[in-house]
Amino acid sequence: MARVNEIRYVGYGVSDLAAERAFYRDVWKLREVGTQDDMVYFACEGHNEHHVVRLRQAEQQRIDVIALAAADRADVDALHDKVVAAGCKIIFDPQELQALGGGYGFRFFSPDGLPFEVSSDVARGPSRPRCRRRRSWRGFACSAASSASTPYWRGPTRPSCA
């Protein structure tokens, strides 16, 4: 059964590209992965999606596109058929994508007029294991290996992920 399996990225039009670029890079700590056609692409450390945010200069702030992932080209084609059957306006039919990261996909407007993209076969970026802290409640470890009364950490600060 064809379905969307994750949010790939969101593309924004912004009125101050330099300020937004600095915000995503310096405050959110996203990694700039490239520029193409006056658009700036950012990836999230630890995730292998090529990019998760795309920015471009615009007169007014707006959401340009909400990009969703499908498993493969067959799912993209099947989802396109479902969107057409639902009466949504198609921006472009399934095709090779020319944006940074490439892939195969289509775009459409939802019934509310939001712009969506569904794609597969997009280049993956480098990934690394994400640091996952053990879940805790009130500072106590929640794992089978420890008793409920064993503190998760000792000392004035929590351990860092290294």
N, C-alpha and C. Protein backbone atom coordinates (compact mmCIF):
# COMPACT_ATOMS: atom_id res chain seq x y z
N MET A 1 0.84 -1.18 0.00
CA MET A 1 0.00 0.00 0.00
C MET A 1 0.88 1.24 0.00
N ALA A 2 0.68 2.10 -0.96
CA ALA A 2 1.47 3.34 -1.05
C ALA A 2 1.06 4.31 0.05
N ARG A 3 2.09 4.86 0.70
CA ARG A 3 1.83 5.84 1.75
C ARG A 3 3.04 6.74 1.91
N VAL A 4 2.82 7.86 2.55
CA VAL A 4 3.91 8.77 2.92
C VAL A 4 4.54 8.20 4.17
N ASN A 5 5.89 8.19 4.26
CA ASN A 5 6.52 7.60 5.43
C ASN A 5 7.31 8.57 6.30
N GLU A 6 7.45 9.84 5.90
CA GLU A 6 8.05 10.84 6.78
C GLU A 6 7.98 12.21 6.14
N ILE A 7 8.20 13.23 6.96
CA ILE A 7 8.36 14.59 6.43
C ILE A 7 9.81 14.72 6.02
N ARG A 8 10.05 15.08 4.78
CA ARG A 8 11.41 15.19 4.25
C ARG A 8 12.00 16.57 4.57
N TYR A 9 11.32 17.64 4.16
CA TYR A 9 11.79 19.00 4.45
C TYR A 9 10.65 19.98 4.29
N VAL A 10 10.88 21.19 4.77
CA VAL A 10 9.94 22.29 4.55
C VAL A 10 10.73 23.42 3.89
N GLY A 11 10.17 23.97 2.82
CA GLY A 11 10.78 25.09 2.12
C GLY A 11 10.04 26.36 2.46
N TYR A 12 10.79 27.39 2.82
CA TYR A 12 10.21 28.67 3.23
C TYR A 12 10.68 29.80 2.32
N GLY A 13 9.81 30.75 2.07
CA GLY A 13 10.17 32.02 1.50
C GLY A 13 10.28 32.99 2.67
N VAL A 14 11.39 33.71 2.77
CA VAL A 14 11.62 34.59 3.92
C VAL A 14 11.99 35.99 3.44
N SER A 15 11.61 37.00 4.22
CA SER A 15 11.85 38.38 3.80
C SER A 15 13.28 38.85 4.11
N ASP A 16 13.98 38.16 5.02
CA ASP A 16 15.37 38.51 5.33
C ASP A 16 16.19 37.23 5.33
N LEU A 17 16.66 36.86 4.15
CA LEU A 17 17.37 35.60 4.00
C LEU A 17 18.62 35.53 4.87
N ALA A 18 19.38 36.61 4.96
CA ALA A 18 20.61 36.60 5.76
C ALA A 18 20.30 36.32 7.23
N ALA A 19 19.27 36.95 7.77
CA ALA A 19 18.91 36.73 9.18
C ALA A 19 18.42 35.31 9.42
N GLU A 20 17.59 34.80 8.52
CA GLU A 20 17.07 33.43 8.67
C GLU A 20 18.19 32.41 8.53
N ARG A 21 19.08 32.66 7.59
CA ARG A 21 20.22 31.76 7.38
C ARG A 21 21.06 31.69 8.65
N ALA A 22 21.34 32.83 9.26
CA ALA A 22 22.10 32.86 10.51
C ALA A 22 21.34 32.16 11.63
N PHE A 23 20.02 32.35 11.69
CA PHE A 23 19.21 31.72 12.73
C PHE A 23 19.29 30.20 12.65
N TYR A 24 19.05 29.66 11.46
CA TYR A 24 19.07 28.19 11.32
C TYR A 24 20.46 27.62 11.57
N ARG A 25 21.49 28.35 11.16
CA ARG A 25 22.87 27.89 11.34
C ARG A 25 23.35 28.08 12.77
N ASP A 26 23.18 29.28 13.34
CA ASP A 26 23.79 29.63 14.61
C ASP A 26 22.93 29.32 15.83
N VAL A 27 21.63 29.44 15.71
CA VAL A 27 20.74 29.20 16.85
C VAL A 27 20.27 27.75 16.86
N TRP A 28 19.77 27.28 15.75
CA TRP A 28 19.27 25.90 15.70
C TRP A 28 20.37 24.91 15.43
N LYS A 29 21.55 25.38 15.02
CA LYS A 29 22.72 24.53 14.77
C LYS A 29 22.50 23.53 13.64
N LEU A 30 21.70 23.93 12.64
CA LEU A 30 21.58 23.09 11.45
C LEU A 30 22.81 23.32 10.58
N ARG A 31 23.15 22.33 9.80
CA ARG A 31 24.35 22.38 8.96
C ARG A 31 23.96 22.78 7.54
N GLU A 32 24.56 23.86 7.04
CA GLU A 32 24.30 24.28 5.67
C GLU A 32 24.94 23.28 4.71
N VAL A 33 24.14 22.73 3.80
CA VAL A 33 24.65 21.70 2.90
C VAL A 33 24.80 22.17 1.47
N GLY A 34 24.38 23.39 1.18
CA GLY A 34 24.58 23.91 -0.16
C GLY A 34 23.57 24.95 -0.54
N THR A 35 23.83 25.54 -1.71
CA THR A 35 22.91 26.52 -2.28
C THR A 35 22.69 26.15 -3.75
N GLN A 36 21.51 26.48 -4.24
CA GLN A 36 21.19 26.25 -5.65
C GLN A 36 20.04 27.18 -6.01
N ASP A 37 20.16 27.88 -7.12
CA ASP A 37 19.10 28.77 -7.60
C ASP A 37 18.65 29.74 -6.51
N ASP A 38 19.60 30.35 -5.82
CA ASP A 38 19.33 31.33 -4.75
C ASP A 38 18.56 30.75 -3.57
N MET A 39 18.63 29.45 -3.39
CA MET A 39 18.02 28.79 -2.23
C MET A 39 19.13 28.19 -1.37
N VAL A 40 18.93 28.20 -0.05
CA VAL A 40 19.91 27.67 0.90
C VAL A 40 19.30 26.44 1.56
N TYR A 41 20.08 25.37 1.65
CA TYR A 41 19.61 24.10 2.18
C TYR A 41 20.35 23.76 3.48
N PHE A 42 19.60 23.27 4.47
CA PHE A 42 20.16 22.91 5.77
C PHE A 42 19.80 21.48 6.13
N ALA A 43 20.76 20.77 6.73
CA ALA A 43 20.54 19.41 7.22
C ALA A 43 20.60 19.41 8.73
N CYS A 44 20.07 18.36 9.30
CA CYS A 44 20.05 18.17 10.75
C CYS A 44 21.12 17.14 11.11
N GLU A 45 21.99 17.49 12.02
CA GLU A 45 23.03 16.55 12.45
C GLU A 45 22.39 15.28 12.99
N GLY A 46 22.95 14.15 12.63
CA GLY A 46 22.46 12.87 13.12
C GLY A 46 21.37 12.26 12.27
N HIS A 47 20.85 13.00 11.30
CA HIS A 47 19.79 12.49 10.43
C HIS A 47 20.36 12.38 9.02
N ASN A 48 19.99 11.34 8.28
CA ASN A 48 20.59 11.18 6.96
C ASN A 48 19.77 11.79 5.83
N GLU A 49 18.73 12.53 6.16
CA GLU A 49 17.99 13.24 5.12
C GLU A 49 18.92 14.31 4.54
N HIS A 50 18.94 14.45 3.21
CA HIS A 50 19.86 15.39 2.56
C HIS A 50 19.70 16.79 3.14
N HIS A 51 18.47 17.24 3.29
CA HIS A 51 18.20 18.54 3.93
C HIS A 51 16.81 18.50 4.57
N VAL A 52 16.62 19.32 5.59
CA VAL A 52 15.35 19.36 6.30
C VAL A 52 14.68 20.73 6.22
N VAL A 53 15.46 21.74 5.80
CA VAL A 53 14.95 23.10 5.64
C VAL A 53 15.53 23.67 4.35
N ARG A 54 14.68 24.38 3.60
CA ARG A 54 15.13 25.10 2.42
C ARG A 54 14.63 26.53 2.52
N LEU A 55 15.52 27.50 2.35
CA LEU A 55 15.16 28.91 2.46
C LEU A 55 15.41 29.62 1.14
N ARG A 56 14.59 30.63 0.86
CA ARG A 56 14.81 31.51 -0.29
C ARG A 56 14.29 32.89 0.06
N GLN A 57 14.88 33.90 -0.58
CA GLN A 57 14.44 35.28 -0.39
C GLN A 57 13.06 35.46 -1.02
N ALA A 58 12.16 36.15 -0.32
CA ALA A 58 10.82 36.42 -0.83
C ALA A 58 10.35 37.77 -0.29
N GLU A 59 9.38 38.37 -0.94
CA GLU A 59 8.85 39.64 -0.45
C GLU A 59 8.07 39.44 0.84
N GLN A 60 7.37 38.33 0.95
CA GLN A 60 6.58 38.02 2.14
C GLN A 60 6.95 36.63 2.64
N GLN A 61 6.86 36.43 3.96
CA GLN A 61 7.11 35.12 4.53
C GLN A 61 6.02 34.17 4.07
N ARG A 62 6.43 32.94 3.73
CA ARG A 62 5.46 31.96 3.27
C ARG A 62 6.06 30.57 3.33
N ILE A 63 5.19 29.58 3.31
CA ILE A 63 5.63 28.20 3.16
C ILE A 63 5.58 27.90 1.67
N ASP A 64 6.75 27.61 1.09
CA ASP A 64 6.81 27.28 -0.34
C ASP A 64 6.37 25.85 -0.60
N VAL A 65 6.82 24.93 0.26
CA VAL A 65 6.51 23.53 0.03
C VAL A 65 6.73 22.73 1.31
N ILE A 66 5.88 21.74 1.52
CA ILE A 66 6.05 20.75 2.58
C ILE A 66 6.33 19.44 1.84
N ALA A 67 7.56 18.96 1.97
CA ALA A 67 7.98 17.79 1.21
C ALA A 67 7.86 16.53 2.06
N LEU A 68 7.23 15.52 1.49
CA LEU A 68 6.99 14.25 2.16
C LEU A 68 7.73 13.14 1.41
N ALA A 69 8.12 12.11 2.12
CA ALA A 69 8.87 11.00 1.54
C ALA A 69 7.97 9.80 1.28
N ALA A 70 8.23 9.13 0.18
CA ALA A 70 7.59 7.86 -0.15
C ALA A 70 8.71 6.83 -0.32
N ALA A 71 8.38 5.57 -0.21
CA ALA A 71 9.38 4.51 -0.23
C ALA A 71 10.11 4.38 -1.57
N ASP A 72 9.37 4.51 -2.67
CA ASP A 72 9.98 4.29 -3.98
C ASP A 72 9.15 4.96 -5.06
N ARG A 73 9.61 4.85 -6.30
CA ARG A 73 8.93 5.49 -7.43
C ARG A 73 7.52 4.95 -7.62
N ALA A 74 7.33 3.67 -7.41
CA ALA A 74 5.99 3.09 -7.55
C ALA A 74 5.03 3.73 -6.55
N ASP A 75 5.49 3.96 -5.32
CA ASP A 75 4.64 4.63 -4.33
C ASP A 75 4.38 6.08 -4.71
N VAL A 76 5.38 6.77 -5.25
CA VAL A 76 5.17 8.15 -5.71
C VAL A 76 4.07 8.16 -6.77
N ASP A 77 4.16 7.27 -7.75
CA ASP A 77 3.16 7.21 -8.81
C ASP A 77 1.77 6.87 -8.26
N ALA A 78 1.71 5.92 -7.33
CA ALA A 78 0.42 5.54 -6.73
C ALA A 78 -0.17 6.68 -5.92
N LEU A 79 0.66 7.39 -5.18
CA LEU A 79 0.18 8.53 -4.40
C LEU A 79 -0.28 9.66 -5.32
N HIS A 80 0.41 9.85 -6.41
CA HIS A 80 -0.01 10.85 -7.40
C HIS A 80 -1.42 10.51 -7.90
N ASP A 81 -1.65 9.23 -8.21
CA ASP A 81 -2.98 8.81 -8.68
C ASP A 81 -4.04 9.10 -7.62
N LYS A 82 -3.73 8.87 -6.35
CA LYS A 82 -4.68 9.14 -5.26
C LYS A 82 -4.97 10.63 -5.14
N VAL A 83 -3.94 11.45 -5.27
CA VAL A 83 -4.11 12.90 -5.17
C VAL A 83 -4.97 13.42 -6.33
N VAL A 84 -4.72 12.90 -7.54
CA VAL A 84 -5.52 13.29 -8.70
C VAL A 84 -6.98 12.87 -8.48
N ALA A 85 -7.19 11.65 -8.00
CA ALA A 85 -8.55 11.15 -7.76
C ALA A 85 -9.27 11.98 -6.70
N ALA A 86 -8.51 12.55 -5.77
CA ALA A 86 -9.11 13.38 -4.71
C ALA A 86 -9.44 14.78 -5.22
N GLY A 87 -9.04 15.09 -6.45
CA GLY A 87 -9.38 16.38 -7.04
C GLY A 87 -8.42 17.51 -6.70
N CYS A 88 -7.26 17.18 -6.19
CA CYS A 88 -6.28 18.22 -5.86
C CYS A 88 -5.66 18.78 -7.13
N LYS A 89 -5.25 20.05 -7.06
CA LYS A 89 -4.60 20.69 -8.21
C LYS A 89 -3.14 20.24 -8.25
N ILE A 90 -2.72 19.71 -9.38
CA ILE A 90 -1.35 19.24 -9.57
C ILE A 90 -0.48 20.40 -10.03
N ILE A 91 0.65 20.60 -9.36
CA ILE A 91 1.63 21.62 -9.76
C ILE A 91 2.50 21.04 -10.86
N PHE A 92 3.03 19.84 -10.62
CA PHE A 92 3.70 19.09 -11.69
C PHE A 92 3.58 17.60 -11.40
N ASP A 93 3.50 16.82 -12.49
CA ASP A 93 3.37 15.36 -12.42
C ASP A 93 4.70 14.73 -12.01
N PRO A 94 4.69 13.43 -11.65
CA PRO A 94 5.95 12.76 -11.27
C PRO A 94 7.02 12.94 -12.34
N GLN A 95 8.20 13.32 -11.86
CA GLN A 95 9.34 13.56 -12.74
C GLN A 95 10.63 13.53 -11.95
N GLU A 96 11.75 13.55 -12.66
CA GLU A 96 13.05 13.67 -12.00
C GLU A 96 13.12 15.07 -11.40
N LEU A 97 13.51 15.17 -10.13
CA LEU A 97 13.59 16.46 -9.46
C LEU A 97 14.96 17.09 -9.71
N GLN A 98 14.98 18.38 -9.96
CA GLN A 98 16.22 19.08 -10.28
C GLN A 98 16.82 19.80 -9.08
N ALA A 99 16.13 19.84 -7.97
CA ALA A 99 16.63 20.53 -6.78
C ALA A 99 17.80 19.78 -6.16
N LEU A 100 18.52 20.45 -5.28
CA LEU A 100 19.64 19.83 -4.57
C LEU A 100 19.15 18.55 -3.90
N GLY A 101 19.83 17.45 -4.13
CA GLY A 101 19.42 16.16 -3.59
C GLY A 101 18.70 15.29 -4.60
N GLY A 102 18.18 15.92 -5.67
CA GLY A 102 17.53 15.18 -6.74
C GLY A 102 16.32 14.38 -6.30
N GLY A 103 16.13 13.22 -6.93
CA GLY A 103 15.02 12.34 -6.60
C GLY A 103 13.96 12.31 -7.69
N TYR A 104 12.84 11.73 -7.34
CA TYR A 104 11.71 11.55 -8.23
C TYR A 104 10.46 11.94 -7.47
N GLY A 105 9.64 12.84 -8.01
CA GLY A 105 8.46 13.24 -7.25
C GLY A 105 7.51 14.13 -8.02
N PHE A 106 6.49 14.57 -7.31
CA PHE A 106 5.48 15.48 -7.87
C PHE A 106 5.07 16.48 -6.80
N ARG A 107 4.41 17.55 -7.25
CA ARG A 107 3.88 18.56 -6.33
C ARG A 107 2.42 18.80 -6.61
N PHE A 108 1.72 19.19 -5.54
CA PHE A 108 0.30 19.47 -5.66
C PHE A 108 -0.13 20.42 -4.55
N PHE A 109 -1.33 20.98 -4.70
CA PHE A 109 -1.94 21.79 -3.65
C PHE A 109 -2.97 20.94 -2.94
N SER A 110 -2.94 20.95 -1.60
CA SER A 110 -3.94 20.23 -0.81
C SER A 110 -5.29 20.94 -0.98
N PRO A 111 -6.38 20.34 -0.50
CA PRO A 111 -7.68 21.02 -0.60
C PRO A 111 -7.68 22.41 0.04
N ASP A 112 -6.83 22.63 1.05
CA ASP A 112 -6.74 23.95 1.68
C ASP A 112 -5.77 24.88 0.98
N GLY A 113 -5.13 24.42 -0.09
CA GLY A 113 -4.22 25.26 -0.85
C GLY A 113 -2.77 25.22 -0.42
N LEU A 114 -2.41 24.29 0.49
CA LEU A 114 -1.01 24.18 0.90
C LEU A 114 -0.22 23.41 -0.16
N PRO A 115 1.00 23.85 -0.45
CA PRO A 115 1.81 23.18 -1.45
C PRO A 115 2.57 22.00 -0.86
N PHE A 116 2.43 20.83 -1.47
CA PHE A 116 3.10 19.61 -1.01
C PHE A 116 3.93 19.02 -2.14
N GLU A 117 4.97 18.30 -1.73
CA GLU A 117 5.77 17.49 -2.65
C GLU A 117 5.83 16.09 -2.07
N VAL A 118 5.74 15.08 -2.92
CA VAL A 118 5.96 13.69 -2.51
C VAL A 118 7.09 13.18 -3.37
N SER A 119 8.13 12.62 -2.73
CA SER A 119 9.30 12.18 -3.49
C SER A 119 9.92 10.92 -2.92
N SER A 120 10.73 10.31 -3.77
CA SER A 120 11.55 9.16 -3.37
C SER A 120 12.90 9.31 -4.05
N ASP A 121 13.81 8.42 -3.72
CA ASP A 121 15.12 8.36 -4.36
C ASP A 121 15.93 9.65 -4.24
N VAL A 122 15.71 10.40 -3.17
CA VAL A 122 16.48 11.62 -2.92
C VAL A 122 17.82 11.21 -2.31
N ALA A 123 18.88 11.89 -2.72
CA ALA A 123 20.22 11.59 -2.17
C ALA A 123 20.17 11.69 -0.65
N ARG A 124 20.87 10.80 0.01
CA ARG A 124 20.94 10.83 1.47
C ARG A 124 22.22 11.53 1.87
N GLY A 125 22.18 12.22 2.98
CA GLY A 125 23.36 12.87 3.51
C GLY A 125 24.07 11.95 4.48
N PRO A 126 25.21 12.38 4.98
CA PRO A 126 25.92 11.55 5.97
C PRO A 126 25.12 11.50 7.27
N SER A 127 25.18 10.38 7.93
CA SER A 127 24.50 10.29 9.22
C SER A 127 25.49 9.80 10.26
N ARG A 128 25.14 10.00 11.49
CA ARG A 128 25.94 9.49 12.60
C ARG A 128 24.95 9.09 13.66
N PRO A 129 25.34 8.21 14.56
CA PRO A 129 24.41 7.83 15.62
C PRO A 129 24.04 9.06 16.45
N ARG A 130 22.77 9.19 16.73
CA ARG A 130 22.32 10.27 17.59
C ARG A 130 22.52 9.85 19.03
N CYS A 131 22.82 10.80 19.87
CA CYS A 131 22.98 10.52 21.29
C CYS A 131 21.59 10.36 21.89
N ARG A 132 21.34 9.24 22.47
CA ARG A 132 20.04 9.01 23.11
C ARG A 132 20.28 8.80 24.59
N ARG A 133 19.75 9.70 25.36
CA ARG A 133 19.86 9.55 26.80
C ARG A 133 18.83 8.53 27.26
N ARG A 134 19.18 7.84 28.32
CA ARG A 134 18.22 6.91 28.89
C ARG A 134 17.05 7.72 29.41
N ARG A 135 15.88 7.20 29.22
CA ARG A 135 14.69 7.89 29.72
C ARG A 135 14.71 7.87 31.24
N SER A 136 14.39 8.99 31.81
CA SER A 136 14.36 9.05 33.26
C SER A 136 13.14 9.82 33.73
N TRP A 137 12.78 9.59 34.95
CA TRP A 137 11.68 10.29 35.57
C TRP A 137 12.15 10.72 36.94
N ARG A 138 12.15 12.00 37.19
CA ARG A 138 12.62 12.57 38.45
C ARG A 138 14.06 12.17 38.75
N GLY A 139 14.86 12.05 37.71
CA GLY A 139 16.28 11.77 37.92
C GLY A 139 16.60 10.31 38.18
N PHE A 140 15.64 9.42 38.05
CA PHE A 140 15.90 8.00 38.26
C PHE A 140 15.86 7.27 36.94
N ALA A 141 16.74 6.30 36.80
CA ALA A 141 16.82 5.55 35.55
C ALA A 141 15.58 4.71 35.36
N CYS A 142 15.18 4.56 34.13
CA CYS A 142 14.02 3.74 33.79
C CYS A 142 14.45 2.60 32.89
N SER A 143 15.40 1.84 33.28
CA SER A 143 15.82 0.69 32.47
C SER A 143 15.75 -0.56 33.33
N ALA A 144 15.61 -1.69 32.67
CA ALA A 144 15.50 -2.95 33.40
C ALA A 144 16.80 -3.27 34.14
N ALA A 145 17.91 -2.71 33.67
CA ALA A 145 19.20 -3.02 34.27
C ALA A 145 19.43 -2.31 35.60
N SER A 146 18.60 -1.34 35.92
CA SER A 146 18.80 -0.62 37.17
C SER A 146 17.53 -0.67 38.01
N SER A 147 17.69 -0.53 39.27
CA SER A 147 16.51 -0.51 40.13
C SER A 147 15.91 0.88 40.11
N ALA A 148 14.66 0.99 40.49
CA ALA A 148 13.96 2.27 40.48
C ALA A 148 14.60 3.28 41.42
N SER A 149 15.40 2.84 42.34
CA SER A 149 16.00 3.79 43.28
C SER A 149 17.43 4.18 42.91
N THR A 150 17.92 3.69 41.77
CA THR A 150 19.28 4.04 41.35
C THR A 150 19.25 5.36 40.59
N PRO A 151 19.96 6.38 41.08
CA PRO A 151 19.97 7.66 40.36
C PRO A 151 20.59 7.49 38.98
N TYR A 152 20.01 8.19 38.00
CA TYR A 152 20.52 8.16 36.63
C TYR A 152 21.90 8.80 36.56
N TRP A 153 22.12 9.86 37.27
CA TRP A 153 23.43 10.49 37.29
C TRP A 153 23.76 10.92 38.71
N ARG A 154 25.03 11.10 38.98
CA ARG A 154 25.47 11.58 40.28
C ARG A 154 26.27 12.85 40.05
N GLY A 155 26.15 13.79 40.89
CA GLY A 155 26.90 15.03 40.76
C GLY A 155 25.98 16.18 40.38
N PRO A 156 26.56 17.37 40.22
CA PRO A 156 25.74 18.57 40.01
C PRO A 156 25.14 18.68 38.62
N THR A 157 25.67 18.01 37.61
CA THR A 157 25.15 18.12 36.26
C THR A 157 24.96 16.76 35.63
N ARG A 158 24.08 16.71 34.65
CA ARG A 158 23.89 15.47 33.90
C ARG A 158 25.10 15.20 33.03
N PRO A 159 25.37 13.95 32.73
CA PRO A 159 26.50 13.64 31.85
C PRO A 159 26.22 14.14 30.44
N SER A 160 27.26 14.47 29.72
CA SER A 160 27.08 14.90 28.33
C SER A 160 27.13 13.67 27.44
N CYS A 161 26.58 13.82 26.25
CA CYS A 161 26.63 12.74 25.28
C CYS A 161 27.96 12.86 24.54
N ALA A 162 28.78 11.86 24.64
CA ALA A 162 30.07 11.91 23.96
C ALA A 162 30.21 10.75 23.02
